[in-house]
């Protein structure tokens, strides 16, 4: 008999933070390294902080903020200076052993449902230097478009600033994972 996989997206809890920090560390340099205090700060400010569970394991997480947070990210501030309303994805991390099979798309679908009519766009950035080709490809396929480019961390990084306009719909529902 085949083991049934149970997938669930739910609000992140303090008890999950050690695993979230572990996943985050494994995703560097696609995301910046965070310590426990920084992740707790994000948890307290985030409009959307969800964990992705597969059976009994946290295999991913997504953090999104809205304008007005006291978050010092240069990329978040870029969007805040240009848009009145948005949902900013600070980071989405999926365990490497579960990447490329639809969990990222499913996570963004859940975020879109959450955003509903409240936010006209979802924003994020993806590294151009060092280049994160798989994330750039993923975001393009999902329907994000580039709205800017900026250098960060003293010129050691360059990012593509991306936006997904909520009025858009994705016509490719085939093969989606649903939790």
Foldseek 3Di string as FASTA:
>chain_A
DDDDKDKDKDADDPVCQVVALVQQVVPPPQADHDDSVRVVLQSVAFPGWIFMDIPHDGFKIWTWHWPPRPDDDPLVVVVNVPDNTEIETNDITGHPVPPPQAPVVQVVVVVLVVCPVVGQKYKYKGWPQVHDVVVVVVCVLQAKDFPDKDADPVNNIIIGIIMHGSVDDHPPPPSHDYD
